[in-house]
C-alpha atoms as a PDB file:
ATOM      1  CA  MET A   1     170.501 155.234 117.132  1.00  0.00           C
ATOM      2  CA  LYS A   2     167.485 155.889 119.376  1.00  0.00           C
ATOM      3  CA  ALA A   3     163.880 154.847 118.842  1.00  0.00           C
ATOM      4  CA  VAL A   4     161.436 157.751 118.756  1.00  0.00           C
ATOM      5  CA  ILE A   5     157.642 157.890 118.901  1.00  0.00           C
ATOM      6  CA  THR A   6     156.478 159.409 115.621  1.00  0.00           C
ATOM      7  CA  THR A   7     152.719 158.831 115.826  1.00  0.00           C
ATOM      8  CA  THR A   8     150.134 158.171 118.532  1.00  0.00           C
ATOM      9  CA  ALA A   9     146.524 157.043 118.324  1.00  0.00           C
ATOM     10  CA  LYS A  10     143.696 155.828 120.544  1.00  0.00           C
ATOM     11  CA  TYR A  11     140.320 154.129 120.364  1.00  0.00           C
ATOM     12  CA  LEU A  12     137.508 154.467 122.899  1.00  0.00           C
ATOM     13  CA  PRO A  13     134.070 152.860 122.619  1.00  0.00           C
ATOM     14  CA  GLU A  14     131.137 155.250 122.695  1.00  0.00           C
ATOM     15  CA  GLU A  15     129.213 153.495 125.482  1.00  0.00           C
ATOM     16  CA  VAL A  16     129.862 154.992 128.922  1.00  0.00           C
ATOM     17  CA  LEU A  17     129.584 153.040 132.174  1.00  0.00           C
ATOM     18  CA  SER A  18     129.433 155.678 134.899  1.00  0.00           C
ATOM     19  CA  ASN A  19     129.773 155.374 138.647  1.00  0.00           C
ATOM     20  CA  LYS A  20     126.037 156.021 138.878  1.00  0.00           C
ATOM     21  CA  ASP A  21     125.462 152.997 136.654  1.00  0.00           C
ATOM     22  CA  LEU A  22     127.599 150.851 138.949  1.00  0.00           C
ATOM     23  CA  GLU A  23     125.640 152.047 141.976  1.00  0.00           C
ATOM     24  CA  ARG A  24     122.655 150.122 140.620  1.00  0.00           C
ATOM     25  CA  ILE A  25     124.463 146.776 140.556  1.00  0.00           C
ATOM     26  CA  LEU A  26     127.179 147.044 143.220  1.00  0.00           C
ATOM     27  CA  ASP A  27     127.478 147.954 146.879  1.00  0.00           C
ATOM     28  CA  THR A  28     129.256 151.212 146.093  1.00  0.00           C
ATOM     29  CA  ASN A  29     128.610 154.852 145.225  1.00  0.00           C
ATOM     30  CA  ASP A  30     130.120 157.653 143.192  1.00  0.00           C
ATOM     31  CA  GLU A  31     131.799 159.325 146.174  1.00  0.00           C
ATOM     32  CA  TRP A  32     133.420 156.085 147.372  1.00  0.00           C
ATOM     33  CA  ILE A  33     134.893 155.421 143.927  1.00  0.00           C
ATOM     34  CA  THR A  34     136.095 158.933 143.077  1.00  0.00           C
ATOM     35  CA  THR A  35     137.716 159.572 146.459  1.00  0.00           C
ATOM     36  CA  ARG A  36     139.734 156.345 146.194  1.00  0.00           C
ATOM     37  CA  ASN A  37     140.814 156.296 142.566  1.00  0.00           C
ATOM     38  CA  GLY A  38     139.449 159.396 140.820  1.00  0.00           C
ATOM     39  CA  ILE A  39     137.490 157.409 138.239  1.00  0.00           C
ATOM     40  CA  ARG A  40     134.079 158.777 137.234  1.00  0.00           C
ATOM     41  CA  GLU A  41     133.395 156.690 134.148  1.00  0.00           C
ATOM     42  CA  ARG A  42     134.846 153.963 131.982  1.00  0.00           C
ATOM     43  CA  ARG A  43     134.105 152.984 128.361  1.00  0.00           C
ATOM     44  CA  ILE A  44     132.832 149.552 127.338  1.00  0.00           C
ATOM     45  CA  ARG A  45     131.696 147.845 124.146  1.00  0.00           C
ATOM     46  CA  ARG A  46     129.103 145.114 124.499  1.00  0.00           C
ATOM     47  CA  ASP A  47     129.176 144.020 120.846  1.00  0.00           C
ATOM     48  CA  PRO A  48     130.665 140.485 120.994  1.00  0.00           C
ATOM     49  CA  LYS A  49     131.832 140.729 117.385  1.00  0.00           C
ATOM     50  CA  LYS A  50     134.084 143.701 118.138  1.00  0.00           C
ATOM     51  CA  ALA A  51     136.748 142.317 120.428  1.00  0.00           C
ATOM     52  CA  THR A  52     140.353 143.331 121.111  1.00  0.00           C
ATOM     53  CA  ALA A  53     141.608 142.975 117.527  1.00  0.00           C
ATOM     54  CA  TYR A  54     138.891 145.383 116.366  1.00  0.00           C
ATOM     55  CA  ARG A  55     140.122 148.017 118.819  1.00  0.00           C
ATOM     56  CA  ALA A  56     143.751 147.489 117.898  1.00  0.00           C
ATOM     57  CA  THR A  57     142.937 147.663 114.182  1.00  0.00           C
ATOM     58  CA  GLU A  58     141.131 150.985 114.636  1.00  0.00           C
ATOM     59  CA  VAL A  59     144.271 152.366 116.287  1.00  0.00           C
ATOM     60  CA  ALA A  60     146.544 150.994 113.557  1.00  0.00           C
ATOM     61  CA  ASN A  61     144.456 152.434 110.726  1.00  0.00           C
ATOM     62  CA  SER A  62     144.375 155.806 112.463  1.00  0.00           C
ATOM     63  CA  TRP A  63     148.178 155.804 112.660  1.00  0.00           C
ATOM     64  CA  LEU A  64     148.640 154.972 109.010  1.00  0.00           C
ATOM     65  CA  GLU A  65     146.364 157.830 108.001  1.00  0.00           C
ATOM     66  CA  LYS A  66     147.985 160.326 110.378  1.00  0.00           C
ATOM     67  CA  ARG A  67     151.536 159.330 109.497  1.00  0.00           C
ATOM     68  CA  GLY A  68     150.830 159.029 105.782  1.00  0.00           C
ATOM     69  CA  ILE A  69     152.533 155.684 105.356  1.00  0.00           C
ATOM     70  CA  ALA A  70     151.462 152.426 103.734  1.00  0.00           C
ATOM     71  CA  ALA A  71     150.738 149.318 105.779  1.00  0.00           C
ATOM     72  CA  ASP A  72     153.426 147.345 103.962  1.00  0.00           C
ATOM     73  CA  GLU A  73     156.054 149.705 105.404  1.00  0.00           C
ATOM     74  CA  ILE A  74     155.447 148.307 108.898  1.00  0.00           C
ATOM     75  CA  ASP A  75     158.071 145.766 109.995  1.00  0.00           C
ATOM     76  CA  LEU A  76     156.712 144.606 113.359  1.00  0.00           C
ATOM     77  CA  ILE A  77     153.417 144.722 115.281  1.00  0.00           C
ATOM     78  CA  ILE A  78     153.412 144.195 119.059  1.00  0.00           C
ATOM     79  CA  VAL A  79     150.051 143.991 120.830  1.00  0.00           C
ATOM     80  CA  ALA A  80     150.063 144.125 124.624  1.00  0.00           C
ATOM     81  CA  THR A  81     146.815 142.603 125.878  1.00  0.00           C
ATOM     82  CA  MET A  82     145.235 140.499 128.602  1.00  0.00           C
ATOM     83  CA  THR A  83     142.146 139.853 126.495  1.00  0.00           C
ATOM     84  CA  PRO A  84     143.189 138.434 123.116  1.00  0.00           C
ATOM     85  CA  ASP A  85     140.423 137.493 120.719  1.00  0.00           C
ATOM     86  CA  MET A  86     141.541 133.871 121.105  1.00  0.00           C
ATOM     87  CA  ILE A  87     144.524 131.881 122.392  1.00  0.00           C
ATOM     88  CA  PHE A  88     145.900 131.722 118.865  1.00  0.00           C
ATOM     89  CA  PRO A  89     146.386 133.123 116.313  1.00  0.00           C
ATOM     90  CA  SER A  90     147.730 136.179 118.087  1.00  0.00           C
ATOM     91  CA  THR A  91     145.856 139.465 118.100  1.00  0.00           C
ATOM     92  CA  ALA A  92     148.901 141.014 116.412  1.00  0.00           C
ATOM     93  CA  CYS A  93     148.494 138.532 113.562  1.00  0.00           C
ATOM     94  CA  LEU A  94     144.823 139.479 113.204  1.00  0.00           C
ATOM     95  CA  VAL A  95     145.722 143.179 113.112  1.00  0.00           C
ATOM     96  CA  GLN A  96     148.401 142.496 110.505  1.00  0.00           C
ATOM     97  CA  GLY A  97     145.811 140.849 108.291  1.00  0.00           C
ATOM     98  CA  ASN A  98     143.179 143.514 108.920  1.00  0.00           C
ATOM     99  CA  ILE A  99     145.407 146.396 107.834  1.00  0.00           C
ATOM    100  CA  GLY A 100     147.262 144.555 105.071  1.00  0.00           C
ATOM    101  CA  ALA A 101     150.728 144.824 106.629  1.00  0.00           C
ATOM    102  CA  THR A 102     152.100 142.127 104.328  1.00  0.00           C
ATOM    103  CA  ASN A 103     155.755 142.684 105.250  1.00  0.00           C
ATOM    104  CA  ALA A 104     155.256 142.697 109.016  1.00  0.00           C
ATOM    105  CA  TRP A 105     155.534 140.003 111.621  1.00  0.00           C
ATOM    106  CA  GLY A 106     154.047 140.293 115.078  1.00  0.00           C
ATOM    107  CA  PHE A 107     153.258 138.835 118.450  1.00  0.00           C
ATOM    108  CA  ASP A 108     151.150 139.412 121.551  1.00  0.00           C
ATOM    109  CA  LEU A 109     152.682 140.380 124.869  1.00  0.00           C
ATOM    110  CA  SER A 110     150.870 139.504 128.105  1.00  0.00           C
ATOM    111  CA  ALA A 111     151.999 141.466 131.154  1.00  0.00           C
ATOM    112  CA  ALA A 112     148.758 142.893 132.586  1.00  0.00           C
ATOM    113  CA  CYS A 113     148.985 146.617 133.369  1.00  0.00           C
ATOM    114  CA  SER A 114     152.709 146.655 132.547  1.00  0.00           C
ATOM    115  CA  GLY A 115     152.132 145.264 129.064  1.00  0.00           C
ATOM    116  CA  PHE A 116     152.381 148.476 127.060  1.00  0.00           C
ATOM    117  CA  VAL A 117     155.559 149.562 128.856  1.00  0.00           C
ATOM    118  CA  TYR A 118     157.125 146.163 128.163  1.00  0.00           C
ATOM    119  CA  GLY A 119     155.988 146.408 124.545  1.00  0.00           C
ATOM    120  CA  LEU A 120     157.424 149.911 124.137  1.00  0.00           C
ATOM    121  CA  HIS A 121     160.797 148.791 125.470  1.00  0.00           C
ATOM    122  CA  THR A 122     160.796 145.672 123.291  1.00  0.00           C
ATOM    123  CA  GLY A 123     159.844 147.631 120.180  1.00  0.00           C
ATOM    124  CA  ALA A 124     162.544 150.207 120.870  1.00  0.00           C
ATOM    125  CA  GLN A 125     165.157 147.453 121.016  1.00  0.00           C
ATOM    126  CA  PHE A 126     164.203 146.247 117.541  1.00  0.00           C
ATOM    127  CA  ILE A 127     164.586 149.796 116.195  1.00  0.00           C
ATOM    128  CA  GLU A 128     167.870 150.457 117.981  1.00  0.00           C
ATOM    129  CA  SER A 129     169.363 147.143 116.854  1.00  0.00           C
ATOM    130  CA  GLY A 130     168.646 148.067 113.236  1.00  0.00           C
ATOM    131  CA  ASN A 131     166.427 145.018 112.686  1.00  0.00           C
ATOM    132  CA  CYS A 132     163.263 147.091 112.128  1.00  0.00           C
ATOM    133  CA  LYS A 133     162.545 150.552 110.731  1.00  0.00           C
ATOM    134  CA  LYS A 134     158.899 150.936 111.760  1.00  0.00           C
ATOM    135  CA  VAL A 135     157.319 149.185 114.743  1.00  0.00           C
ATOM    136  CA  MET A 136     153.705 149.404 115.904  1.00  0.00           C
ATOM    137  CA  VAL A 137     153.174 149.009 119.651  1.00  0.00           C
ATOM    138  CA  ILE A 138     149.534 148.724 120.697  1.00  0.00           C
ATOM    139  CA  GLY A 139     147.955 148.322 124.106  1.00  0.00           C
ATOM    140  CA  ALA A 140     144.408 147.005 123.706  1.00  0.00           C
ATOM    141  CA  ASP A 141     141.929 145.276 125.984  1.00  0.00           C
ATOM    142  CA  LYS A 142     138.271 144.393 126.244  1.00  0.00           C
ATOM    143  CA  MET A 143     138.338 144.200 130.022  1.00  0.00           C
ATOM    144  CA  SER A 144     134.552 144.037 130.235  1.00  0.00           C
ATOM    145  CA  SER A 145     134.844 140.474 128.898  1.00  0.00           C
ATOM    146  CA  ILE A 146     136.727 139.276 132.000  1.00  0.00           C
ATOM    147  CA  LEU A 147     135.170 141.455 134.707  1.00  0.00           C
ATOM    148  CA  ASP A 148     132.849 140.164 137.406  1.00  0.00           C
ATOM    149  CA  TYR A 149     130.321 142.959 137.794  1.00  0.00           C
ATOM    150  CA  GLU A 150     129.476 141.645 141.256  1.00  0.00           C
ATOM    151  CA  ASP A 151     133.047 142.326 142.428  1.00  0.00           C
ATOM    152  CA  ARG A 152     133.536 145.989 143.231  1.00  0.00           C
ATOM    153  CA  THR A 153     137.304 145.600 143.695  1.00  0.00           C
ATOM    154  CA  THR A 154     137.706 145.164 139.937  1.00  0.00           C
ATOM    155  CA  ALA A 155     134.469 146.297 138.258  1.00  0.00           C
ATOM    156  CA  ILE A 156     135.028 149.930 139.249  1.00  0.00           C
ATOM    157  CA  LEU A 157     138.533 150.083 137.789  1.00  0.00           C
ATOM    158  CA  PHE A 158     138.600 148.748 134.268  1.00  0.00           C
ATOM    159  CA  GLY A 159     137.040 149.474 130.891  1.00  0.00           C
ATOM    160  CA  ASP A 160     137.647 148.821 127.200  1.00  0.00           C
ATOM    161  CA  GLY A 161     139.881 150.658 124.772  1.00  0.00           C
ATOM    162  CA  ALA A 162     143.157 150.792 122.895  1.00  0.00           C
ATOM    163  CA  GLY A 163     146.056 153.106 122.245  1.00  0.00           C
ATOM    164  CA  GLY A 164     149.587 153.001 121.018  1.00  0.00           C
ATOM    165  CA  VAL A 165     152.483 154.393 119.054  1.00  0.00           C
ATOM    166  CA  ILE A 166     154.606 153.947 115.971  1.00  0.00           C
ATOM    167  CA  LEU A 167     158.330 153.747 116.718  1.00  0.00           C
ATOM    168  CA  GLU A 168     160.955 154.788 114.189  1.00  0.00           C
ATOM    169  CA  ALA A 169     164.645 155.667 114.305  1.00  0.00           C
ATOM    170  CA  ALA A 170     165.312 159.182 115.571  1.00  0.00           C
ATOM    171  CA  LYS A 171     166.719 161.494 112.902  1.00  0.00           C
ATOM    172  CA  GLU A 172     168.146 164.002 115.372  1.00  0.00           C
ATOM    173  CA  GLU A 173     170.259 163.692 118.499  1.00  0.00           C
ATOM    174  CA  GLY A 174     168.515 164.217 121.818  1.00  0.00           C
ATOM    175  CA  TYR A 175     165.265 162.512 120.855  1.00  0.00           C
ATOM    176  CA  GLY A 176     164.009 159.015 121.537  1.00  0.00           C
ATOM    177  CA  VAL A 177     163.453 156.466 124.268  1.00  0.00           C
ATOM    178  CA  LEU A 178     166.275 157.290 126.673  1.00  0.00           C
ATOM    179  CA  ASP A 179     166.085 154.429 129.145  1.00  0.00           C
ATOM    180  CA  ALA A 180     163.809 151.881 130.789  1.00  0.00           C
ATOM    181  CA  ARG A 181     163.785 150.076 134.118  1.00  0.00           C
ATOM    182  CA  LEU A 182     161.543 147.013 134.075  1.00  0.00           C
ATOM    183  CA  TYR A 183     160.654 144.797 137.011  1.00  0.00           C
ATOM    184  CA  SER A 184     158.552 141.710 137.715  1.00  0.00           C
ATOM    185  CA  ASP A 185     157.566 140.018 140.970  1.00  0.00           C
ATOM    186  CA  GLY A 186     156.913 136.400 140.106  1.00  0.00           C
ATOM    187  CA  LEU A 187     157.078 135.358 143.759  1.00  0.00           C
ATOM    188  CA  ASN A 188     154.283 137.523 145.162  1.00  0.00           C
ATOM    189  CA  GLY A 189     152.586 139.060 142.143  1.00  0.00           C
ATOM    190  CA  PRO A 190     150.482 136.043 141.104  1.00  0.00           C
ATOM    191  CA  ASN A 191     148.759 136.118 144.484  1.00  0.00           C
ATOM    192  CA  HIS A 192     147.570 139.683 143.955  1.00  0.00           C
ATOM    193  CA  LEU A 193     146.461 139.814 140.306  1.00  0.00           C
ATOM    194  CA  LEU A 194     145.325 136.787 138.329  1.00  0.00           C
ATOM    195  CA  MET A 195     142.746 135.099 136.155  1.00  0.00           C
ATOM    196  CA  SER A 196     143.233 131.425 136.901  1.00  0.00           C
ATOM    197  CA  GLY A 197     140.780 129.785 134.501  1.00  0.00           C
ATOM    198  CA  GLY A 198     141.335 128.942 130.857  1.00  0.00           C
ATOM    199  CA  GLY A 199     145.021 128.050 130.918  1.00  0.00           C
ATOM    200  CA  SER A 200     146.700 124.648 130.920  1.00  0.00           C
ATOM    201  CA  LEU A 201     146.536 124.484 134.733  1.00  0.00           C
ATOM    202  CA  HIS A 202     142.767 125.024 134.851  1.00  0.00           C
ATOM    203  CA  PRO A 203     141.347 124.390 131.342  1.00  0.00           C
ATOM    204  CA  ALA A 204     137.872 125.756 130.673  1.00  0.00           C
ATOM    205  CA  SER A 205     135.173 123.522 132.122  1.00  0.00           C
ATOM    206  CA  HIS A 206     131.774 123.776 133.772  1.00  0.00           C
ATOM    207  CA  GLU A 207     133.604 123.801 137.111  1.00  0.00           C
ATOM    208  CA  THR A 208     135.919 126.695 136.271  1.00  0.00           C
ATOM    209  CA  VAL A 209     132.997 128.729 134.939  1.00  0.00           C
ATOM    210  CA  ASP A 210     130.844 127.994 137.996  1.00  0.00           C
ATOM    211  CA  GLN A 211     133.714 129.044 140.282  1.00  0.00           C
ATOM    212  CA  GLY A 212     134.228 132.332 138.440  1.00  0.00           C
ATOM    213  CA  MET A 213     137.787 131.431 137.487  1.00  0.00           C
ATOM    214  CA  HIS A 214     137.523 133.229 134.143  1.00  0.00           C
ATOM    215  CA  PHE A 215     137.156 136.620 135.840  1.00  0.00           C
ATOM    216  CA  ILE A 216     140.068 138.824 136.842  1.00  0.00           C
ATOM    217  CA  ARG A 217     140.817 138.845 140.581  1.00  0.00           C
ATOM    218  CA  GLN A 218     142.855 141.521 142.293  1.00  0.00           C
ATOM    219  CA  ASP A 219     144.069 142.371 145.761  1.00  0.00           C
ATOM    220  CA  GLY A 220     144.019 146.130 145.376  1.00  0.00           C
ATOM    221  CA  ARG A 221     145.832 146.812 148.634  1.00  0.00           C
ATOM    222  CA  GLN A 222     148.891 145.000 147.321  1.00  0.00           C
END
């Protein structure tokens, strides 16, 4: 039995942050950005009351409407995110409550840019094992909340948004998630992409805030 994607959905904030906007606050320009990564704009949402769970909930509600199923039919909710609303409860738990998925359980998955791929593979395993019939996998982030808009190595790359899929068991042969090859580099990776403040190693303090440790840092060349 293979897991198949039966529904997709996305959420994008309306506010646009263009390369021209970034020119006003960073030592960069539209040509420099587009020739290196092809990005011309990114979406952000400044409303502090509408964080990652809001985005993920918008995606989940869109799925339910498109697929024509009730929230209590969902067995599992996986939210891949680097920007949860809070350390706990999980964003997945907040989404479960927001949509009324009373029969579901859920958890957050933190794996940076690989998060959704990890979540898709994990969700597929629950379908293929027969433990779940319907699994929501959501990738959602409010990256603007952890970006240093004085750092052009990260500010030009990321925005806010959400997207995801519903996984169900394939009814026909030849459909479904065929395979996955996952990889992590715990030896070198942490030196190239990290946000060091706020965890148990560097709990939030005046010092960590002053040192910018709650912003994402990235070595783009690596």
